[in-house]
Amino acid sequence: MGNGHAVALLPGTTPLAGTSTSETRRVVWNLAWPVILALVSESLVGLVDMFMVARLGASAVAAVGVGGQIMGAVTVTMMAIGTGTVALVARSVGAGTLDEAHETLGQSILAASTLGIVAVIPVLLWAEPFVQAFGVAPEVTAEATVYVRAVMLAIAPSSVLFVIGSALRGAGDTRTPLAIGLVVNSVNVFANWVLIFGHLGFPALGVLGSALATALSFTLGAVLLSILLAGGRLRLHVERRHLVPDFTIIRRIFRIGYPAAIEQFLMQVGFLVYLVFAARYGTDAVAAYFIGVRILALAFLPGFGFAAAASTLVGQHLGAGEPEQAERAGWMSAWMSVCLMSTVGVVVFLLAEPIARLLVDEVGVIAGTASFIYMLGIAQPFMAIDFTLGGALRGAGDTRFPLWTMLVAFYAVRLGLSALAVFVFDLSLPWLWSALIADYVVRAALKTWRFRGAHWRSIEV
């Protein structure tokens, strides 16, 4: 049972939400807005990057898009560490056992850096076959292979950056990751401008320049955050003893987080299949998909912000022995997410064509992008529920149910309907895009049902 009062955490950390609705709303927003702003900044950088690459033509856009998909598939392994880290750190902070939180962070950094190095090896060896699996044109394959090999330099530093940020959010500090993210994104934009087009005396590297800019910015961010962590300037800190391998803690992290990693990996595989379906409509459709995904990444960022808030507060309240407050925080996060994302959905729906024309000037790509944006706008409230309640469940350590939800909604519903549209009824491209609406409706329904139950309250982490 909850003890009915807010719990003080680390100095300066946002406290746990109290019993009143207004207080819960305030705490949720204080945790969510820095995450939203950080992700908005990151997505804007992605759009600027795509805008710069689009000046090189549709094949370059498709190449960077394919490369980004492969990078995403590699980094999903970090979800196991990040998800487990958030759940364990939040529980430890809620329970007041701060040294356990520090130990978890140290082991997470150790595991992430090791896994990040190991994960790139097969990609470096078989980059071209991986790209060819997307079914893209030969000129796209050549550029994408170059991009993939170069962008692998970003994996290890981005892994360290990710897990430290996850731990800080689990402790209630969402502002430090925001500050570091703004630095990383600023460097990324500047380096893109220099390396893609060849400014300030550098050669024009095109697609390769985009990959190198990504690697450079992530490396800088990881170095800065590590310096702050080692200097004791953050709400969590790591000492040398925390970096001595402790496989008991590492196993706990992976036991909680591995379903999230499997979920993200299978989603990347599903995205590959979905992209193969889109490729049957031509290179313009592939380019439209990747531009649409960039816009999608911007549109659903409020969901990630409120998911982070829900994950932190649910985990901390459960650690403090307050399951009722954990449930209150989860529902409040979901409601605020729905309100904000529905507003975003209306805006992007109404501005679909102008947004598409802003990003690309090829008629076929504009049409495909606009139709994707329409579907995206309709799906926003369902995405909000999916992301936020998924975050709440993961914060409680209930990471298996979101995995099963994804399998049903993505593979059975989205890909099933897409296959019917492409292979059975030979429908136009907008019908392929519309399958994502059904996907998120199913996800939202299943996660709502799960969070209404009591199973997540009693999970041991």
Protein backbone atom coordinates (compact mmCIF):
# COMPACT_ATOMS: atom_id res chain seq x y z
CA MET A 1 0.00 0.00 0.00
CA GLY A 2 1.18 3.55 -0.66
CA ASN A 3 2.31 5.55 2.30
CA GLY A 4 0.54 8.67 1.05
CA HIS A 5 3.47 11.09 0.91
CA ALA A 6 6.05 12.20 -1.60
CA VAL A 7 9.44 10.58 -1.19
CA ALA A 8 12.61 12.66 -1.33
CA LEU A 9 15.17 11.32 -3.76
CA LEU A 10 18.67 12.48 -4.61
CA PRO A 11 19.42 16.19 -4.12
CA GLY A 12 17.62 18.19 -6.78
CA THR A 13 15.80 15.19 -8.20
CA THR A 14 12.13 15.42 -9.08
CA PRO A 15 10.18 13.84 -6.17
CA LEU A 16 7.72 11.05 -6.55
CA ALA A 17 4.21 12.18 -7.39
CA GLY A 18 1.95 12.62 -4.38
CA THR A 19 -1.70 11.71 -4.03
CA SER A 20 -3.31 14.73 -5.73
CA THR A 21 -4.08 14.80 -9.43
CA SER A 22 -2.44 18.19 -9.89
CA GLU A 23 0.75 17.07 -8.17
CA THR A 24 0.92 13.90 -10.24
CA ARG A 25 0.39 15.94 -13.41
CA ARG A 26 3.15 18.36 -12.42
CA VAL A 27 5.69 15.63 -11.68
CA VAL A 28 4.86 13.74 -14.87
CA TRP A 29 5.33 16.90 -16.92
CA ASN A 30 8.60 17.81 -15.18
CA LEU A 31 10.00 14.42 -16.12
CA ALA A 32 8.52 14.30 -19.61
CA TRP A 33 9.29 17.69 -21.12
CA PRO A 34 13.11 17.40 -21.10
CA VAL A 35 12.84 13.99 -22.77
CA ILE A 36 10.43 15.39 -25.36
CA LEU A 37 12.64 18.38 -26.05
CA ALA A 38 15.75 16.19 -26.32
CA LEU A 39 14.03 13.88 -28.77
CA VAL A 40 12.54 16.76 -30.75
CA SER A 41 16.04 18.15 -31.10
CA GLU A 42 17.34 14.74 -32.19
CA SER A 43 14.57 14.28 -34.72
CA LEU A 44 15.01 17.77 -36.11
CA VAL A 45 18.65 16.89 -36.66
CA GLY A 46 17.49 13.77 -38.48
CA LEU A 47 15.21 15.87 -40.67
CA VAL A 48 17.98 18.38 -41.37
CA ASP A 49 20.30 15.49 -42.20
CA MET A 50 17.70 14.04 -44.56
CA PHE A 51 17.10 17.49 -46.05
CA MET A 52 20.81 17.83 -46.80
CA VAL A 53 21.05 14.32 -48.20
CA ALA A 54 17.92 14.92 -50.30
CA ARG A 55 19.90 17.54 -52.21
CA LEU A 56 21.93 14.59 -53.50
CA GLY A 57 18.88 12.82 -54.96
CA ALA A 58 16.37 10.06 -54.16
CA SER A 59 19.00 7.30 -54.29
CA ALA A 60 21.04 9.05 -51.58
CA VAL A 61 17.93 9.42 -49.41
CA ALA A 62 17.17 5.73 -49.84
CA ALA A 63 20.80 4.81 -49.08
CA VAL A 64 20.89 6.75 -45.81
CA GLY A 65 17.46 5.38 -44.92
CA VAL A 66 18.56 1.78 -45.46
CA GLY A 67 21.75 2.46 -43.52
CA GLY A 68 19.72 3.91 -40.68
CA GLN A 69 17.57 0.80 -40.57
CA ILE A 70 20.65 -1.41 -40.26
CA MET A 71 22.11 0.85 -37.58
CA GLY A 72 18.80 0.62 -35.74
CA ALA A 73 18.91 -3.17 -35.94
CA VAL A 74 22.39 -3.19 -34.39
CA THR A 75 21.51 -0.80 -31.59
CA VAL A 76 18.41 -2.73 -30.50
CA THR A 77 20.71 -4.87 -28.40
CA MET A 78 21.13 -1.80 -26.21
CA MET A 79 17.43 -1.95 -25.36
CA ALA A 80 18.13 -4.96 -23.16
CA ILE A 81 20.60 -2.95 -21.14
CA GLY A 82 18.71 0.35 -21.17
CA THR A 83 15.36 -1.14 -20.19
CA GLY A 84 16.84 -3.24 -17.40
CA THR A 85 18.84 -0.25 -16.18
CA VAL A 86 15.80 2.02 -15.92
CA ALA A 87 13.77 -0.56 -14.01
CA LEU A 88 16.56 -1.41 -11.54
CA VAL A 89 17.73 2.16 -10.98
CA ALA A 90 14.17 3.43 -10.48
CA ARG A 91 13.40 0.68 -7.96
CA SER A 92 16.66 1.34 -6.09
CA VAL A 93 16.10 5.09 -5.96
CA GLY A 94 12.49 4.63 -4.85
CA ALA A 95 13.64 2.28 -2.10
CA GLY A 96 16.45 4.62 -1.04
CA THR A 97 19.23 2.10 -1.81
CA LEU A 98 21.35 4.47 -3.89
CA ASP A 99 24.54 2.42 -3.98
CA GLU A 100 22.61 -0.30 -5.80
CA ALA A 101 21.67 2.31 -8.40
CA HIS A 102 25.34 3.27 -8.80
CA GLU A 103 26.37 -0.37 -9.14
CA THR A 104 23.67 -0.95 -11.75
CA LEU A 105 24.90 2.02 -13.77
CA GLY A 106 28.52 0.85 -13.63
CA GLN A 107 27.64 -2.63 -14.82
CA SER A 108 25.39 -1.19 -17.53
CA ILE A 109 28.23 0.91 -18.91
CA LEU A 110 30.53 -2.11 -18.89
CA ALA A 111 27.99 -4.30 -20.67
CA ALA A 112 26.98 -1.61 -23.19
CA SER A 113 30.51 -0.75 -24.27
CA THR A 114 31.42 -4.43 -24.70
CA LEU A 115 28.25 -5.29 -26.55
CA GLY A 116 28.53 -2.20 -28.73
CA ILE A 117 31.97 -3.26 -29.95
CA VAL A 118 30.99 -6.88 -30.57
CA ALA A 119 27.76 -6.00 -32.39
CA VAL A 120 29.44 -4.11 -35.23
CA ILE A 121 31.72 -6.94 -36.34
CA PRO A 122 29.19 -8.90 -38.47
CA VAL A 123 27.92 -5.68 -40.03
CA LEU A 124 31.40 -4.61 -41.08
CA LEU A 125 32.02 -8.05 -42.59
CA TRP A 126 28.69 -8.43 -44.41
CA ALA A 127 27.51 -4.85 -44.97
CA GLU A 128 26.70 -5.29 -48.65
CA PRO A 129 24.58 -8.46 -48.26
CA PHE A 130 22.64 -6.79 -45.46
CA VAL A 131 21.90 -3.82 -47.71
CA GLN A 132 20.95 -6.07 -50.62
CA ALA A 133 18.39 -7.77 -48.40
CA PHE A 134 16.31 -4.58 -48.62
CA GLY A 135 15.75 -5.19 -52.32
CA VAL A 136 16.88 -1.70 -53.36
CA ALA A 137 18.41 -0.65 -56.68
CA PRO A 138 22.17 -1.26 -57.34
CA GLU A 139 23.10 2.42 -57.05
CA VAL A 140 21.37 2.56 -53.66
CA THR A 141 23.18 -0.59 -52.54
CA ALA A 142 26.59 0.90 -53.31
CA GLU A 143 25.97 4.14 -51.39
CA ALA A 144 24.24 2.41 -48.49
CA THR A 145 27.14 -0.03 -48.04
CA VAL A 146 29.58 2.86 -47.70
CA TYR A 147 27.26 4.59 -45.24
CA VAL A 148 26.74 1.49 -43.10
CA ARG A 149 30.43 0.72 -42.68
CA ALA A 150 31.21 4.28 -41.65
CA VAL A 151 28.27 4.75 -39.30
CA MET A 152 29.28 1.65 -37.33
CA LEU A 153 31.89 3.91 -35.70
CA ALA A 154 29.00 5.46 -33.78
CA ILE A 155 27.70 2.25 -32.19
CA ALA A 156 29.97 1.91 -29.15
CA PRO A 157 29.83 5.57 -28.06
CA SER A 158 26.08 5.78 -28.70
CA SER A 159 25.62 2.66 -26.55
CA VAL A 160 27.43 4.26 -23.60
CA LEU A 161 25.50 7.49 -24.11
CA PHE A 162 22.22 5.58 -24.17
CA VAL A 163 22.68 3.58 -20.97
CA ILE A 164 23.96 6.52 -18.93
CA GLY A 165 20.97 8.56 -20.09
CA SER A 166 18.65 5.67 -19.22
CA ALA A 167 20.07 5.42 -15.70
CA LEU A 168 19.77 9.15 -15.12
CA ARG A 169 16.14 9.11 -16.25
CA GLY A 170 15.46 6.18 -13.94
CA ALA A 171 16.81 8.35 -11.11
CA GLY A 172 14.53 11.21 -12.12
CA ASP A 173 17.15 13.34 -13.90
CA THR A 174 15.90 14.01 -17.41
CA ARG A 175 17.62 17.38 -17.82
CA THR A 176 21.24 16.23 -18.02
CA PRO A 177 20.52 13.92 -20.99
CA LEU A 178 18.73 16.89 -22.59
CA ALA A 179 21.76 19.16 -22.21
CA ILE A 180 24.16 16.57 -23.60
CA GLY A 181 21.75 15.77 -26.41
CA LEU A 182 21.61 19.40 -27.48
CA VAL A 183 25.40 19.48 -27.71
CA VAL A 184 25.48 16.23 -29.69
CA ASN A 185 22.82 17.42 -32.09
CA SER A 186 24.44 20.79 -32.68
CA VAL A 187 27.73 19.11 -33.54
CA ASN A 188 25.91 16.67 -35.81
CA VAL A 189 24.25 19.42 -37.84
CA PHE A 190 27.47 21.38 -38.22
CA ALA A 191 29.48 18.29 -39.16
CA ASN A 192 26.80 17.30 -41.70
CA TRP A 193 27.05 20.70 -43.35
CA VAL A 194 30.84 20.48 -43.48
CA LEU A 195 31.27 16.87 -44.54
CA ILE A 196 28.32 16.26 -46.87
CA PHE A 197 28.91 19.35 -49.02
CA GLY A 198 32.62 19.96 -48.44
CA HIS A 199 32.80 23.26 -46.58
CA LEU A 200 35.72 24.80 -44.64
CA GLY A 201 38.27 23.11 -46.86
CA PHE A 202 36.97 19.56 -46.36
CA PRO A 203 36.12 17.37 -49.36
CA ALA A 204 32.46 16.85 -50.27
CA LEU A 205 31.83 13.32 -48.98
CA GLY A 206 28.08 13.08 -49.62
CA VAL A 207 26.49 10.05 -47.97
CA LEU A 208 29.80 9.10 -46.32
CA GLY A 209 29.97 12.56 -44.74
CA SER A 210 26.56 12.04 -43.16
CA ALA A 211 27.76 8.81 -41.53
CA LEU A 212 30.99 10.34 -40.24
CA ALA A 213 29.11 13.31 -38.77
CA THR A 214 26.89 10.90 -36.82
CA ALA A 215 29.89 8.99 -35.46
CA LEU A 216 31.71 12.18 -34.47
CA SER A 217 28.77 13.68 -32.59
CA PHE A 218 27.95 10.51 -30.64
CA THR A 219 31.58 10.07 -29.63
CA LEU A 220 31.73 13.62 -28.31
CA GLY A 221 28.50 13.10 -26.33
CA ALA A 222 29.74 9.88 -24.75
CA VAL A 223 33.03 11.52 -23.72
CA LEU A 224 31.30 14.55 -22.17
CA LEU A 225 28.78 12.48 -20.23
CA SER A 226 31.46 10.10 -18.99
CA ILE A 227 33.56 13.02 -17.73
CA LEU A 228 30.58 14.42 -15.81
CA LEU A 229 29.80 10.99 -14.39
CA ALA A 230 33.36 10.34 -13.26
CA GLY A 231 33.62 13.82 -11.76
CA GLY A 232 30.66 13.24 -9.43
CA ARG A 233 28.68 16.07 -11.00
CA LEU A 234 25.57 14.04 -11.77
CA ARG A 235 22.83 12.62 -9.57
CA LEU A 236 24.35 9.21 -10.04
CA HIS A 237 28.05 8.47 -10.00
CA VAL A 238 30.33 5.57 -10.78
CA GLU A 239 33.47 4.61 -8.90
CA ARG A 240 36.12 2.13 -9.99
CA ARG A 241 34.59 -0.61 -7.86
CA HIS A 242 31.33 -0.26 -9.80
CA LEU A 243 33.17 -1.12 -13.04
CA VAL A 244 34.49 -4.45 -11.79
CA PRO A 245 32.38 -7.07 -13.62
CA ASP A 246 29.53 -8.34 -11.45
CA PHE A 247 27.69 -10.93 -13.48
CA THR A 248 24.88 -11.19 -10.96
CA ILE A 249 23.88 -7.58 -11.64
CA ILE A 250 24.47 -7.95 -15.38
CA ARG A 251 22.20 -11.00 -15.44
CA ARG A 252 19.49 -9.05 -13.60
CA ILE A 253 19.75 -6.25 -16.14
CA PHE A 254 19.46 -8.64 -19.08
CA ARG A 255 16.72 -10.72 -17.46
CA ILE A 256 14.52 -7.67 -17.26
CA GLY A 257 15.63 -6.08 -20.52
CA TYR A 258 16.07 -8.92 -23.01
CA PRO A 259 12.37 -9.04 -24.03
CA ALA A 260 12.61 -5.33 -24.94
CA ALA A 261 15.67 -6.04 -27.06
CA ILE A 262 13.94 -8.94 -28.79
CA GLU A 263 10.91 -6.72 -29.33
CA GLN A 264 12.98 -3.99 -30.94
CA PHE A 265 14.97 -6.46 -33.04
CA LEU A 266 11.83 -8.11 -34.36
CA MET A 267 10.39 -4.68 -35.07
CA GLN A 268 13.47 -3.88 -37.14
CA VAL A 269 12.99 -7.14 -39.03
CA GLY A 270 9.35 -6.22 -39.49
CA PHE A 271 10.36 -2.78 -40.78
CA LEU A 272 12.61 -4.55 -43.27
CA VAL A 273 9.70 -6.63 -44.53
CA TYR A 274 7.49 -3.55 -44.66
CA LEU A 275 10.20 -1.75 -46.62
CA VAL A 276 10.46 -4.66 -49.06
CA PHE A 277 6.73 -4.27 -49.65
CA ALA A 278 7.24 -0.53 -50.26
CA ALA A 279 10.14 -1.24 -52.64
CA ARG A 280 7.68 -2.99 -54.97
CA TYR A 281 6.26 0.45 -55.68
CA GLY A 282 9.70 1.80 -56.78
CA THR A 283 12.53 3.97 -55.46
CA ASP A 284 10.20 6.95 -54.97
CA ALA A 285 8.13 4.89 -52.53
CA VAL A 286 11.28 3.86 -50.62
CA ALA A 287 12.41 7.47 -50.39
CA ALA A 288 8.89 8.52 -49.31
CA TYR A 289 8.92 5.88 -46.59
CA PHE A 290 12.20 7.07 -45.11
CA ILE A 291 11.18 10.71 -45.21
CA GLY A 292 7.86 9.74 -43.65
CA VAL A 293 9.67 7.81 -40.92
CA ARG A 294 11.69 10.92 -40.09
CA ILE A 295 8.45 12.86 -39.70
CA LEU A 296 6.93 9.97 -37.75
CA ALA A 297 9.91 10.08 -35.39
CA LEU A 298 9.19 13.74 -34.72
CA ALA A 299 5.42 13.30 -34.35
CA PHE A 300 5.49 10.55 -31.74
CA LEU A 301 8.16 12.07 -29.52
CA PRO A 302 5.67 13.21 -26.87
CA GLY A 303 4.83 9.53 -26.44
CA PHE A 304 8.45 8.70 -25.69
CA GLY A 305 8.67 11.57 -23.22
CA PHE A 306 5.61 10.47 -21.29
CA ALA A 307 6.73 6.84 -21.55
CA ALA A 308 10.00 7.83 -19.84
CA ALA A 309 8.05 9.65 -17.14
CA ALA A 310 5.74 6.68 -16.63
CA SER A 311 8.64 4.23 -16.51
CA THR A 312 10.51 6.30 -13.93
CA LEU A 313 7.53 6.98 -11.68
CA VAL A 314 6.08 3.47 -11.85
CA GLY A 315 9.46 1.96 -10.98
CA GLN A 316 10.16 4.42 -8.18
CA HIS A 317 6.70 4.08 -6.63
CA LEU A 318 6.93 0.30 -6.71
CA GLY A 319 10.37 0.55 -5.08
CA ALA A 320 8.81 2.76 -2.38
CA GLY A 321 5.96 0.28 -1.86
CA GLU A 322 3.29 2.50 -3.44
CA PRO A 323 1.54 0.52 -6.21
CA GLU A 324 -1.57 2.74 -6.20
CA GLN A 325 0.57 5.79 -6.84
CA ALA A 326 2.40 3.88 -9.56
CA GLU A 327 -0.91 3.20 -11.30
CA ARG A 328 -2.00 6.82 -10.94
CA ALA A 329 1.25 8.02 -12.51
CA GLY A 330 0.87 5.57 -15.40
CA TRP A 331 -2.66 6.64 -16.28
CA MET A 332 -1.84 10.33 -15.90
CA SER A 333 1.14 9.94 -18.21
CA ALA A 334 -1.01 8.16 -20.80
CA TRP A 335 -3.76 10.78 -20.68
CA MET A 336 -1.33 13.68 -21.07
CA SER A 337 0.37 11.85 -23.93
CA VAL A 338 -2.91 11.29 -25.76
CA CYS A 339 -3.84 14.96 -25.48
CA LEU A 340 -0.54 16.22 -26.81
CA MET A 341 -0.04 13.63 -29.54
CA SER A 342 -3.61 14.00 -30.82
CA THR A 343 -2.93 17.71 -31.25
CA VAL A 344 0.24 16.87 -33.16
CA GLY A 345 -1.76 14.43 -35.27
CA VAL A 346 -4.23 17.10 -36.34
CA VAL A 347 -1.41 19.48 -37.28
CA VAL A 348 0.56 17.00 -39.38
CA PHE A 349 -2.62 15.78 -41.08
CA LEU A 350 -3.60 19.29 -42.14
CA LEU A 351 -0.08 20.18 -43.28
CA ALA A 352 0.81 16.87 -44.93
CA GLU A 353 1.56 18.17 -48.43
CA PRO A 354 3.41 21.35 -47.38
CA ILE A 355 5.59 19.25 -45.06
CA ALA A 356 6.35 16.81 -47.86
CA ARG A 357 7.21 19.63 -50.30
CA LEU A 358 9.50 21.21 -47.73
CA LEU A 359 11.60 18.06 -47.54
CA VAL A 360 11.77 16.93 -51.16
CA ASP A 361 10.99 18.29 -54.61
CA GLU A 362 10.36 15.13 -56.63
CA VAL A 363 6.67 14.71 -57.49
CA GLY A 364 6.46 10.96 -56.88
CA VAL A 365 8.21 11.19 -53.53
CA ILE A 366 5.99 14.11 -52.45
CA ALA A 367 2.81 12.14 -53.15
CA GLY A 368 4.02 9.06 -51.29
CA THR A 369 5.25 11.09 -48.34
CA ALA A 370 2.01 13.06 -48.04
CA SER A 371 -0.10 9.90 -47.99
CA PHE A 372 2.16 8.44 -45.28
CA ILE A 373 1.73 11.59 -43.19
CA TYR A 374 -2.07 11.34 -43.45
CA MET A 375 -2.00 7.85 -41.95
CA LEU A 376 0.44 9.01 -39.31
CA GLY A 377 -1.89 11.79 -38.21
CA ILE A 378 -4.81 9.42 -37.77
CA ALA A 379 -2.73 6.98 -35.71
CA GLN A 380 -1.40 9.51 -33.19
CA PRO A 381 -3.76 8.90 -30.21
CA PHE A 382 -3.26 5.14 -30.46
CA MET A 383 0.51 5.59 -30.64
CA ALA A 384 0.32 7.73 -27.50
CA ILE A 385 -1.35 4.95 -25.52
CA ASP A 386 0.99 2.31 -26.91
CA PHE A 387 4.19 4.19 -26.08
CA THR A 388 3.18 5.48 -22.66
CA LEU A 389 1.61 2.38 -21.19
CA GLY A 390 4.44 0.36 -22.69
CA GLY A 391 6.85 2.58 -20.75
CA ALA A 392 4.81 2.11 -17.58
CA LEU A 393 4.88 -1.68 -17.93
CA ARG A 394 8.64 -1.73 -18.60
CA GLY A 395 9.26 0.49 -15.58
CA ALA A 396 7.50 -2.16 -13.52
CA GLY A 397 9.69 -4.87 -15.05
CA ASP A 398 6.82 -6.26 -17.15
CA THR A 399 8.80 -6.44 -20.38
CA ARG A 400 7.42 -9.63 -21.90
CA PHE A 401 3.87 -8.47 -22.52
CA PRO A 402 4.92 -5.55 -24.80
CA LEU A 403 6.89 -8.11 -26.81
CA TRP A 404 3.85 -10.31 -27.35
CA THR A 405 1.77 -7.24 -28.15
CA MET A 406 4.22 -6.24 -30.87
CA LEU A 407 4.19 -9.71 -32.41
CA VAL A 408 0.41 -9.69 -32.68
CA ALA A 409 0.00 -6.08 -33.80
CA PHE A 410 2.99 -5.70 -36.12
CA TYR A 411 3.45 -9.14 -37.63
CA ALA A 412 -0.11 -10.44 -37.72
CA VAL A 413 -1.96 -7.15 -38.28
CA ARG A 414 0.33 -4.66 -40.04
CA LEU A 415 2.34 -7.08 -42.16
CA GLY A 416 -0.66 -9.30 -42.76
CA LEU A 417 -2.73 -6.41 -44.09
CA SER A 418 0.26 -5.12 -46.07
CA ALA A 419 0.71 -8.48 -47.76
CA LEU A 420 -2.95 -8.49 -48.72
CA ALA A 421 -2.67 -4.96 -50.13
CA VAL A 422 0.46 -5.72 -52.17
CA PHE A 423 0.15 -9.35 -53.26
CA VAL A 424 -3.56 -10.16 -53.19
CA PHE A 425 -5.51 -7.04 -54.06
CA ASP A 426 -2.74 -5.06 -55.81
CA LEU A 427 -3.77 -1.85 -54.06
CA SER A 428 -2.11 1.56 -54.33
CA LEU A 429 0.64 2.80 -51.99
CA PRO A 430 -1.66 4.62 -49.50
CA TRP A 431 -3.28 1.29 -48.67
CA LEU A 432 0.13 -0.05 -47.67
CA TRP A 433 0.67 2.93 -45.36
CA SER A 434 -2.80 2.55 -43.81
CA ALA A 435 -1.85 -0.81 -42.25
CA LEU A 436 0.09 1.04 -39.54
CA ILE A 437 -3.18 2.49 -38.17
CA ALA A 438 -4.56 -0.98 -37.48
CA ASP A 439 -1.22 -1.95 -35.94
CA TYR A 440 -1.35 0.82 -33.32
CA VAL A 441 -5.04 0.37 -32.57
CA VAL A 442 -4.33 -3.23 -31.55
CA ARG A 443 -1.26 -2.26 -29.53
CA ALA A 444 -3.17 0.42 -27.63
CA ALA A 445 -6.05 -1.95 -26.83
CA LEU A 446 -3.81 -4.75 -25.54
CA LYS A 447 -1.61 -2.53 -23.36
CA THR A 448 -4.62 -0.78 -21.89
CA TRP A 449 -6.02 -4.18 -20.90
CA ARG A 450 -2.71 -5.21 -19.37
CA PHE A 451 -2.22 -2.06 -17.31
CA ARG A 452 -5.76 -2.34 -15.95
CA GLY A 453 -4.77 -5.68 -14.44
CA ALA A 454 -2.67 -6.25 -11.34
CA HIS A 455 0.11 -8.52 -12.60
CA TRP A 456 2.66 -5.76 -13.20
CA ARG A 457 2.40 -4.58 -9.58
CA SER A 458 3.97 -7.72 -8.14
CA ILE A 459 6.84 -8.38 -10.57
CA GLU A 460 10.21 -8.90 -8.87
CA VAL A 461 13.20 -7.21 -10.48
